[in-house]
Amino acid sequence: MSRRRKRKNSAPVQAKIKSLNTECQGVTRINDKVTFVTQSLPGEEVILEYTKKHSRYDVAKTIEVVSSSKDRIEPKCKHFEMCGGCQLQHMPSEYQIQQKQDILVEQFKNIAKLELNTVLPAITGDSWGYRRKARLGVRYVRKKERVLVGFRERNGRFLADLTQCEVLHKSVGQNLLALSDLVQSLVAYDKIAQIEVAVGDSNSALVFRNLVKLSSDDSDKLENFAKQFNFDIYCQPGGPESVYPVYPKSPTLDYSLAEYDLSYDFEPGMFTQVNYDINHKMIARALDLLKLSDADTVLDLFCGLGNFSLPISKFAKNVIGVEGELKLVKQATHNAQKNNIKNTEFFTANLMDDFTQLPWFRNKKYTKILIDPPRTGAELIVKDIAKLQAEKIVYVSCNPATLARDAGILVHECGYKLDSAGVMDMFPHTAHVESIALFTK
């Protein structure tokens, strides 16, 4: 049987960076082939090492900066060079934002053939300790004789050897070594696959994905850790429905939007926005764009647990929220009841299937629509929602390419106008581009 030969790394190459791509990677040409280079900036001369080769382009990492851009800064995190959790710490925050705004404008132009005439001011906030949701990998590394907890390495499948994380909420980011020591102390140290992080306003939850049933001693260690570091700790031995609390026995997670006198309950595995500071500002921006009155009937698609629906209900006649996950719909209904809101109603529907005959859509009239789809966008449904003839559609996006694609459909095929759009820095120091756009009739 022949063995697969291990591919040798190509020799380092020196090149000049010409521009940035939509992932904020440097772009250069080597032997007339495009190469994307991580941790580089336009105008820099760098020595690079290839990490991936494709037929049409290559990917490389910067191993030395020969001549530096005036915009380059020293990364705050000592693990930035190896950790894949962040990509842009070598750029100032203002530079990151401008690049993301430029990406949004270019995507509208290149994909949708639309000029974005009104670029909304970027929504920004604290760029450190902001991340309240995360999935941390866990692995016992035999060569190191210890457990690692954290994100994957930048250019590999292994976990980065982290002692702290500057973007995670400090309750977790400053306790990675303690988490590592905890897992290593367990009998099942090599049977913990990941730890899911969910942070509320007053407490932080950790969900341990255990591949075997934990012994009573291991459960006691988790409980003691929870008490020492003020965590709510859960275990998940199977699918999402198998999650159970270890300590305390009846934990709760919540976040508030005090400016609207609202409070939300949620469970660790439920979708909530990663960055609470930006979430507050994003909701305010959405309300400003919608320009609600007490005569408005609003449709909120992909509504989750009511993050947008409940603030909208404070200013509109009524709100209909639609979400594909039944558990989130039940949570949205619970949150409406908790806040004594009576002008909202929530429905479960797979929004990627035909919903035109469902009672919340058929023969209904909505004056305004908010849509917050997943990264794949809303290509399958924008024509249907356009039939509602709403005055305004506010589209919240986590992928500028699919936003631009859907904008092209709304404008070129459905008679809407792209009024304005701008980015929201939901994920500082990463290449993720969150944005919001307004379409009008």
Protein backbone atom coordinates (compact mmCIF):
# COMPACT_ATOMS: atom_id res chain seq x y z
CA MET A 1 0.00 0.00 0.00
CA SER A 2 1.46 3.35 -1.00
CA ARG A 3 1.74 6.09 1.56
CA ARG A 4 0.53 9.60 0.92
CA ARG A 5 3.55 11.84 0.88
CA LYS A 6 3.52 14.83 3.13
CA ARG A 7 3.55 17.96 1.00
CA LYS A 8 6.58 20.12 1.61
CA ASN A 9 6.03 23.79 2.37
CA SER A 10 7.14 26.13 -0.39
CA ALA A 11 10.09 28.41 0.29
CA PRO A 12 9.24 31.87 1.69
CA VAL A 13 8.61 34.56 -0.93
CA GLN A 14 8.92 38.36 -0.75
CA ALA A 15 6.07 40.39 -2.23
CA LYS A 16 4.39 43.79 -2.10
CA ILE A 17 0.78 44.02 -0.94
CA LYS A 18 -1.43 45.92 -3.38
CA SER A 19 -4.85 45.98 -1.67
CA LEU A 20 -7.22 44.11 0.66
CA ASN A 21 -9.88 41.56 -0.30
CA THR A 22 -13.35 41.11 1.22
CA GLU A 23 -11.81 39.08 4.06
CA CYS A 24 -9.39 41.94 4.82
CA GLN A 25 -6.47 39.83 3.63
CA GLY A 26 -3.68 41.44 1.65
CA VAL A 27 -3.71 40.91 -2.12
CA THR A 28 -0.61 40.47 -4.25
CA ARG A 29 0.39 38.74 -7.49
CA ILE A 30 3.20 36.21 -7.64
CA ASN A 31 4.09 34.71 -11.01
CA ASP A 32 0.88 36.24 -12.36
CA LYS A 33 -1.25 34.40 -9.78
CA VAL A 34 -3.33 36.11 -7.10
CA THR A 35 -2.20 35.41 -3.55
CA PHE A 36 -4.14 36.40 -0.41
CA VAL A 37 -1.86 37.17 2.52
CA THR A 38 -3.05 37.26 6.14
CA GLN A 39 -1.81 39.90 8.62
CA SER A 40 -0.67 42.28 5.90
CA LEU A 41 -1.61 45.81 4.80
CA PRO A 42 -1.58 47.63 1.45
CA GLY A 43 1.81 49.09 0.56
CA GLU A 44 3.74 46.70 2.77
CA GLU A 45 6.64 44.58 1.58
CA VAL A 46 6.34 41.23 3.33
CA ILE A 47 7.93 37.82 3.37
CA LEU A 48 5.17 35.26 3.12
CA GLU A 49 4.77 31.53 3.44
CA TYR A 50 2.11 29.62 1.53
CA THR A 51 -0.58 27.89 3.59
CA LYS A 52 -2.98 26.79 0.81
CA LYS A 53 -2.71 26.48 -2.95
CA HIS A 54 -5.65 26.47 -5.35
CA SER A 55 -5.94 26.47 -9.12
CA ARG A 56 -7.01 30.12 -9.32
CA TYR A 57 -5.41 31.65 -6.22
CA ASP A 58 -3.14 30.90 -3.29
CA VAL A 59 -3.30 31.77 0.42
CA ALA A 60 -0.27 32.70 2.51
CA LYS A 61 0.65 34.07 5.91
CA THR A 62 3.00 36.92 6.71
CA ILE A 63 6.13 35.69 8.46
CA GLU A 64 8.05 38.97 8.32
CA VAL A 65 7.21 42.59 7.51
CA VAL A 66 10.11 44.06 5.52
CA SER A 67 8.61 47.55 5.15
CA SER A 68 5.65 48.44 7.34
CA SER A 69 2.54 50.48 6.59
CA LYS A 70 2.02 53.64 8.66
CA ASP A 71 -1.35 52.13 9.59
CA ARG A 72 0.08 49.01 11.23
CA ILE A 73 -0.18 48.78 15.03
CA GLU A 74 1.05 46.31 17.63
CA PRO A 75 -1.65 43.71 18.42
CA LYS A 76 -2.95 43.86 21.99
CA CYS A 77 -3.19 40.09 22.36
CA LYS A 78 0.04 38.14 22.78
CA HIS A 79 -1.57 35.16 21.02
CA PHE A 80 -2.63 37.06 17.89
CA GLU A 81 0.07 35.57 15.66
CA MET A 82 -1.16 32.01 16.15
CA CYS A 83 -4.81 32.21 17.26
CA GLY A 84 -7.57 32.16 14.66
CA GLY A 85 -10.08 33.94 16.87
CA CYS A 86 -9.08 37.38 15.52
CA GLN A 87 -7.69 38.43 12.15
CA LEU A 88 -7.33 42.21 12.31
CA GLN A 89 -5.57 43.26 15.51
CA HIS A 90 -2.69 44.64 13.41
CA MET A 91 -5.12 47.33 12.16
CA PRO A 92 -6.41 50.31 14.20
CA SER A 93 -10.13 50.10 14.94
CA GLU A 94 -10.90 53.08 12.69
CA TYR A 95 -9.02 51.42 9.83
CA GLN A 96 -10.96 48.17 10.34
CA ILE A 97 -14.27 50.04 10.21
CA GLN A 98 -13.33 51.90 7.04
CA GLN A 99 -12.33 48.66 5.34
CA LYS A 100 -15.66 47.08 6.27
CA GLN A 101 -17.59 50.10 4.99
CA ASP A 102 -15.62 49.90 1.74
CA ILE A 103 -16.38 46.19 1.44
CA LEU A 104 -20.11 46.87 1.87
CA VAL A 105 -20.12 49.60 -0.79
CA GLU A 106 -18.13 47.42 -3.20
CA GLN A 107 -20.40 44.41 -2.71
CA PHE A 108 -23.46 46.49 -3.61
CA LYS A 109 -21.63 47.77 -6.68
CA ASN A 110 -20.12 44.49 -7.88
CA ILE A 111 -22.87 42.02 -7.01
CA ALA A 112 -26.07 44.07 -7.20
CA LYS A 113 -24.91 46.78 -9.64
CA LEU A 114 -26.14 49.35 -7.12
CA GLU A 115 -24.54 52.60 -5.99
CA LEU A 116 -24.86 53.16 -2.25
CA ASN A 117 -25.44 56.90 -2.20
CA THR A 118 -26.10 57.20 1.54
CA VAL A 119 -23.61 55.40 3.76
CA LEU A 120 -24.87 55.35 7.34
CA PRO A 121 -22.36 56.20 10.09
CA ALA A 122 -20.76 53.01 11.35
CA ILE A 123 -22.06 51.65 14.63
CA THR A 124 -19.09 51.05 16.93
CA GLY A 125 -18.50 50.24 20.58
CA ASP A 126 -16.02 48.68 22.95
CA SER A 127 -13.65 46.47 21.00
CA TRP A 128 -12.25 44.41 23.90
CA GLY A 129 -14.04 41.95 26.16
CA TYR A 130 -17.16 42.27 24.02
CA ARG A 131 -17.78 38.66 23.02
CA ARG A 132 -20.57 37.07 25.06
CA LYS A 133 -21.15 33.98 22.94
CA ALA A 134 -18.49 31.50 21.85
CA ARG A 135 -17.68 27.84 21.37
CA LEU A 136 -14.30 26.96 22.80
CA GLY A 137 -12.50 23.85 21.66
CA VAL A 138 -11.12 21.49 24.30
CA ARG A 139 -8.34 18.98 23.66
CA TYR A 140 -5.80 17.04 25.66
CA VAL A 141 -2.47 17.39 23.85
CA ARG A 142 -0.24 14.48 24.68
CA LYS A 143 2.99 16.21 23.64
CA LYS A 144 2.25 19.09 26.00
CA GLU A 145 0.78 16.77 28.64
CA ARG A 146 -2.05 19.16 29.31
CA VAL A 147 -5.49 20.28 28.21
CA LEU A 148 -5.89 23.27 25.90
CA VAL A 149 -9.05 25.40 25.89
CA GLY A 150 -9.65 28.05 23.24
CA PHE A 151 -9.93 28.75 19.53
CA ARG A 152 -8.21 26.97 16.66
CA GLU A 153 -4.85 28.05 15.36
CA ARG A 154 -4.92 30.53 12.50
CA ASN A 155 -3.57 28.22 9.82
CA GLY A 156 -4.29 24.77 11.16
CA ARG A 157 -6.73 22.35 12.71
CA PHE A 158 -5.09 22.32 16.15
CA LEU A 159 -6.14 24.38 19.14
CA ALA A 160 -4.08 27.45 19.91
CA ASP A 161 -2.22 27.33 23.22
CA LEU A 162 -3.91 30.27 24.97
CA THR A 163 -3.57 31.70 28.45
CA GLN A 164 -6.17 34.44 27.94
CA CYS A 165 -8.41 36.02 25.30
CA GLU A 166 -8.82 39.77 24.94
CA VAL A 167 -12.11 39.72 23.01
CA LEU A 168 -14.03 37.23 25.14
CA HIS A 169 -16.04 38.63 28.05
CA LYS A 170 -13.55 38.98 30.89
CA SER A 171 -15.34 36.40 33.06
CA VAL A 172 -14.21 33.79 30.53
CA GLY A 173 -11.33 35.38 28.64
CA GLN A 174 -9.24 35.92 31.77
CA ASN A 175 -9.94 32.41 33.10
CA LEU A 176 -8.87 30.16 30.22
CA LEU A 177 -6.00 28.67 32.23
CA ALA A 178 -8.33 27.95 35.13
CA LEU A 179 -10.70 26.22 32.70
CA SER A 180 -7.80 24.21 31.32
CA ASP A 181 -6.75 23.15 34.81
CA LEU A 182 -10.34 22.22 35.66
CA VAL A 183 -10.76 19.94 32.65
CA GLN A 184 -7.34 18.37 33.22
CA SER A 185 -8.36 17.49 36.79
CA LEU A 186 -11.37 15.48 35.59
CA VAL A 187 -11.38 11.72 35.13
CA ALA A 188 -13.04 12.47 31.77
CA TYR A 189 -10.36 15.04 30.82
CA ASP A 190 -10.10 13.62 27.30
CA LYS A 191 -13.85 13.25 26.80
CA ILE A 192 -14.81 16.95 26.88
CA ALA A 193 -15.18 18.11 23.27
CA GLN A 194 -16.02 21.78 23.70
CA ILE A 195 -17.29 24.42 26.09
CA GLU A 196 -20.07 26.73 24.96
CA VAL A 197 -20.05 30.22 26.47
CA ALA A 198 -23.14 32.35 27.05
CA VAL A 199 -22.97 35.54 29.11
CA GLY A 200 -25.95 37.44 30.45
CA ASP A 201 -26.11 40.78 32.22
CA SER A 202 -25.42 39.35 35.67
CA ASN A 203 -23.91 35.89 35.17
CA SER A 204 -21.93 33.71 32.78
CA ALA A 205 -22.83 30.17 31.71
CA LEU A 206 -20.54 27.38 30.53
CA VAL A 207 -21.94 24.29 28.80
CA PHE A 208 -19.53 21.34 28.85
CA ARG A 209 -20.03 18.99 25.90
CA ASN A 210 -19.18 15.68 27.58
CA LEU A 211 -18.86 12.57 25.41
CA VAL A 212 -19.28 10.20 28.38
CA LYS A 213 -21.33 10.32 31.56
CA LEU A 214 -19.40 12.20 34.22
CA SER A 215 -18.54 10.58 37.52
CA SER A 216 -19.86 12.08 40.74
CA ASP A 217 -16.33 13.31 41.53
CA ASP A 218 -16.13 15.11 38.18
CA SER A 219 -19.56 16.67 38.73
CA ASP A 220 -18.42 17.85 42.17
CA LYS A 221 -15.36 19.49 40.61
CA LEU A 222 -17.55 21.32 38.10
CA GLU A 223 -19.81 22.51 40.92
CA ASN A 224 -16.87 23.72 43.02
CA PHE A 225 -15.45 25.57 40.01
CA ALA A 226 -18.84 27.20 39.40
CA LYS A 227 -18.94 28.45 42.99
CA GLN A 228 -15.32 29.65 42.99
CA PHE A 229 -15.52 31.59 39.71
CA ASN A 230 -19.23 32.52 39.80
CA PHE A 231 -20.28 30.52 36.72
CA ASP A 232 -23.48 28.69 35.90
CA ILE A 233 -22.33 25.29 34.66
CA TYR A 234 -24.23 22.85 32.48
CA CYS A 235 -23.41 19.53 30.84
CA GLN A 236 -24.50 18.31 27.41
CA PRO A 237 -24.03 14.54 27.01
CA GLY A 238 -26.00 14.36 23.74
CA GLY A 239 -27.95 16.66 21.43
CA PRO A 240 -29.16 20.18 22.33
CA GLU A 241 -32.11 18.80 24.28
CA SER A 242 -29.80 16.86 26.61
CA VAL A 243 -28.40 19.99 28.32
CA TYR A 244 -28.87 19.93 32.09
CA PRO A 245 -27.63 22.23 34.89
CA VAL A 246 -24.87 21.07 37.22
CA TYR A 247 -24.83 24.19 39.39
CA PRO A 248 -26.96 26.00 40.33
CA LYS A 249 -29.90 23.64 39.90
CA SER A 250 -32.23 26.34 38.53
CA PRO A 251 -29.97 28.80 36.70
CA THR A 252 -31.26 31.77 34.73
CA LEU A 253 -29.73 33.96 32.05
CA ASP A 254 -31.09 37.33 31.03
CA TYR A 255 -30.23 40.60 29.36
CA SER A 256 -32.03 43.91 29.44
CA LEU A 257 -32.75 46.81 27.13
CA ALA A 258 -33.31 49.38 29.84
CA GLU A 259 -33.97 52.16 27.34
CA TYR A 260 -37.16 50.31 26.33
CA ASP A 261 -37.91 48.92 29.81
CA LEU A 262 -37.39 45.37 28.51
CA SER A 263 -35.79 42.26 29.96
CA TYR A 264 -35.19 38.98 28.12
CA ASP A 265 -34.74 35.48 29.52
CA PHE A 266 -32.75 32.99 27.46
CA GLU A 267 -31.01 29.62 27.67
CA PRO A 268 -27.29 29.08 26.91
CA GLY A 269 -27.81 27.43 23.52
CA MET A 270 -30.25 30.02 22.22
CA PHE A 271 -29.19 32.59 19.66
CA THR A 272 -28.46 35.99 21.15
CA GLN A 273 -26.28 38.76 19.76
CA VAL A 274 -22.58 38.33 20.52
CA ASN A 275 -21.96 42.00 21.33
CA TYR A 276 -24.48 43.57 23.71
CA ASP A 277 -23.21 47.13 23.32
CA ILE A 278 -23.65 46.95 19.55
CA ASN A 279 -26.99 45.19 19.99
CA HIS A 280 -28.38 48.21 21.87
CA LYS A 281 -27.17 50.58 19.16
CA MET A 282 -28.33 48.28 16.35
CA ILE A 283 -31.88 48.20 17.70
CA ALA A 284 -31.87 51.99 18.01
CA ARG A 285 -30.67 52.27 14.39
CA ALA A 286 -33.38 49.87 13.18
CA LEU A 287 -36.08 51.85 14.98
CA ASP A 288 -34.75 55.09 13.53
CA LEU A 289 -34.83 53.67 10.01
CA LEU A 290 -38.32 52.21 10.40
CA LYS A 291 -39.79 55.54 11.63
CA LEU A 292 -42.62 53.77 13.44
CA SER A 293 -46.00 55.16 14.37
CA ASP A 294 -48.93 53.73 16.32
CA ALA A 295 -50.61 52.95 13.00
CA ASP A 296 -47.88 50.55 11.82
CA THR A 297 -48.25 46.80 11.55
CA VAL A 298 -44.76 45.29 11.45
CA LEU A 299 -43.51 41.88 10.30
CA ASP A 300 -40.28 40.69 11.95
CA LEU A 301 -38.78 37.72 10.08
CA PHE A 302 -36.15 35.44 11.67
CA CYS A 303 -37.22 37.09 14.93
CA GLY A 304 -35.43 34.74 17.34
CA LEU A 305 -36.45 35.35 20.95
CA GLY A 306 -37.90 38.78 20.14
CA ASN A 307 -34.74 40.92 20.22
CA PHE A 308 -36.19 43.38 17.67
CA SER A 309 -39.89 42.51 18.02
CA LEU A 310 -40.34 43.72 21.57
CA PRO A 311 -38.71 47.16 21.13
CA ILE A 312 -40.72 47.60 17.91
CA SER A 313 -43.91 46.79 19.81
CA LYS A 314 -43.36 49.87 21.98
CA PHE A 315 -43.89 52.15 18.97
CA ALA A 316 -46.13 50.19 16.57
CA LYS A 317 -49.77 49.13 16.53
CA ASN A 318 -48.83 45.45 16.45
CA VAL A 319 -45.95 43.14 15.57
CA ILE A 320 -45.87 39.66 14.06
CA GLY A 321 -42.65 37.73 14.63
CA VAL A 322 -41.78 34.60 12.64
CA GLU A 323 -38.96 32.19 13.46
CA GLY A 324 -38.01 28.70 12.28
CA GLU A 325 -37.07 27.27 15.68
CA LEU A 326 -40.04 26.40 17.90
CA LYS A 327 -38.01 26.76 21.10
CA LEU A 328 -37.13 30.36 20.20
CA VAL A 329 -40.74 31.14 19.34
CA LYS A 330 -41.80 29.88 22.77
CA GLN A 331 -39.07 31.99 24.35
CA ALA A 332 -40.18 35.08 22.40
CA THR A 333 -43.75 34.53 23.61
CA HIS A 334 -42.48 34.11 27.17
CA ASN A 335 -40.46 37.33 26.93
CA ALA A 336 -43.47 39.25 25.61
CA GLN A 337 -45.56 37.99 28.52
CA LYS A 338 -42.78 38.73 31.00
CA ASN A 339 -42.72 42.34 29.79
CA ASN A 340 -46.53 42.60 29.72
CA ILE A 341 -46.55 43.21 25.96
CA LYS A 342 -49.88 42.38 24.37
CA ASN A 343 -49.52 43.64 20.78
CA THR A 344 -47.11 40.95 19.56
CA GLU A 345 -47.73 37.45 18.24
CA PHE A 346 -45.13 34.86 17.28
CA PHE A 347 -45.32 32.04 14.73
CA THR A 348 -43.11 29.09 13.84
CA ALA A 349 -42.35 28.65 10.14
CA ASN A 350 -39.50 27.43 7.98
CA LEU A 351 -38.88 30.64 6.09
CA MET A 352 -36.95 28.80 3.38
CA ASP A 353 -40.11 26.87 2.43
CA ASP A 354 -43.27 28.25 0.83
CA PHE A 355 -45.07 30.25 3.52
CA THR A 356 -47.42 32.27 1.32
CA GLN A 357 -50.50 30.33 2.43
CA LEU A 358 -49.77 30.54 6.14
CA PRO A 359 -52.17 32.66 8.23
CA TRP A 360 -49.60 35.31 9.21
CA PHE A 361 -48.88 35.99 5.51
CA ARG A 362 -51.92 35.20 3.39
CA ASN A 363 -54.12 38.25 2.76
CA LYS A 364 -52.19 40.24 5.36
CA LYS A 365 -51.06 43.85 5.14
CA TYR A 366 -47.84 45.05 6.76
CA THR A 367 -46.66 48.62 6.57
CA LYS A 368 -43.07 47.83 7.56
CA ILE A 369 -40.84 44.75 7.62
CA LEU A 370 -37.63 43.88 9.46
CA ILE A 371 -35.61 40.88 8.32
CA ASP A 372 -32.53 39.40 10.04
CA PRO A 373 -31.61 36.24 8.09
CA PRO A 374 -28.64 33.88 8.56
CA ARG A 375 -25.44 34.22 6.51
CA THR A 376 -27.07 32.54 3.51
CA GLY A 377 -29.39 35.52 3.24
CA ALA A 378 -33.00 35.65 2.07
CA GLU A 379 -32.82 35.01 -1.68
CA LEU A 380 -35.65 32.47 -1.54
CA ILE A 381 -38.11 34.81 0.15
CA VAL A 382 -37.42 38.43 -0.84
CA LYS A 383 -39.79 38.28 -3.81
CA ASP A 384 -42.56 36.95 -1.59
CA ILE A 385 -42.13 39.56 1.12
CA ALA A 386 -41.96 42.27 -1.55
CA LYS A 387 -45.51 41.27 -2.54
CA LEU A 388 -46.68 42.64 0.81
CA GLN A 389 -45.90 46.12 -0.56
CA ALA A 390 -44.53 47.38 2.75
CA GLU A 391 -43.39 51.00 2.76
CA LYS A 392 -40.04 50.09 4.28
CA ILE A 393 -37.89 47.00 4.65
CA VAL A 394 -34.99 47.06 7.11
CA TYR A 395 -32.54 44.27 6.37
CA VAL A 396 -30.02 43.27 9.08
CA SER A 397 -27.20 41.20 7.61
CA CYS A 398 -24.15 39.25 8.75
CA ASN A 399 -22.91 38.73 5.18
CA PRO A 400 -22.54 41.70 2.81
CA ALA A 401 -22.38 39.44 -0.25
CA THR A 402 -25.80 37.88 0.35
CA LEU A 403 -27.22 41.26 1.39
CA ALA A 404 -26.04 42.71 -1.93
CA ARG A 405 -27.48 39.78 -3.86
CA ASP A 406 -30.87 40.18 -2.17
CA ALA A 407 -30.73 43.96 -2.61
CA GLY A 408 -30.37 43.41 -6.34
CA ILE A 409 -33.59 41.39 -6.36
CA LEU A 410 -35.51 43.93 -4.27
CA VAL A 411 -34.39 46.86 -6.43
CA HIS A 412 -34.20 45.44 -9.95
CA GLU A 413 -37.13 43.02 -9.76
CA CYS A 414 -39.44 44.22 -6.98
CA GLY A 415 -39.52 48.01 -7.32
CA TYR A 416 -37.74 48.95 -4.10
CA LYS A 417 -35.04 51.60 -3.71
CA LEU A 418 -31.86 51.11 -1.72
CA ASP A 419 -32.14 54.14 0.56
CA SER A 420 -29.11 53.71 2.83
CA ALA A 421 -26.85 51.16 4.48
CA GLY A 422 -23.91 50.98 6.86
CA VAL A 423 -21.83 48.59 8.90
CA MET A 424 -22.09 47.63 12.55
CA ASP A 425 -18.92 46.48 14.29
CA MET A 426 -20.46 43.44 15.96
CA PHE A 427 -17.17 41.50 15.78
CA PRO A 428 -14.22 43.90 16.26
CA HIS A 429 -10.79 42.62 15.19
CA THR A 430 -12.34 40.00 12.90
CA ALA A 431 -13.19 40.07 9.20
CA HIS A 432 -16.93 39.59 9.89
CA VAL A 433 -19.00 42.41 8.39
CA GLU A 434 -22.38 43.05 10.03
CA SER A 435 -24.55 45.64 8.30
CA ILE A 436 -28.01 47.17 8.12
CA ALA A 437 -29.83 48.49 5.06
CA LEU A 438 -33.06 50.37 4.41
CA PHE A 439 -35.22 49.74 1.33
CA THR A 440 -38.15 52.01 0.52
CA LYS A 441 -41.01 52.05 -1.98
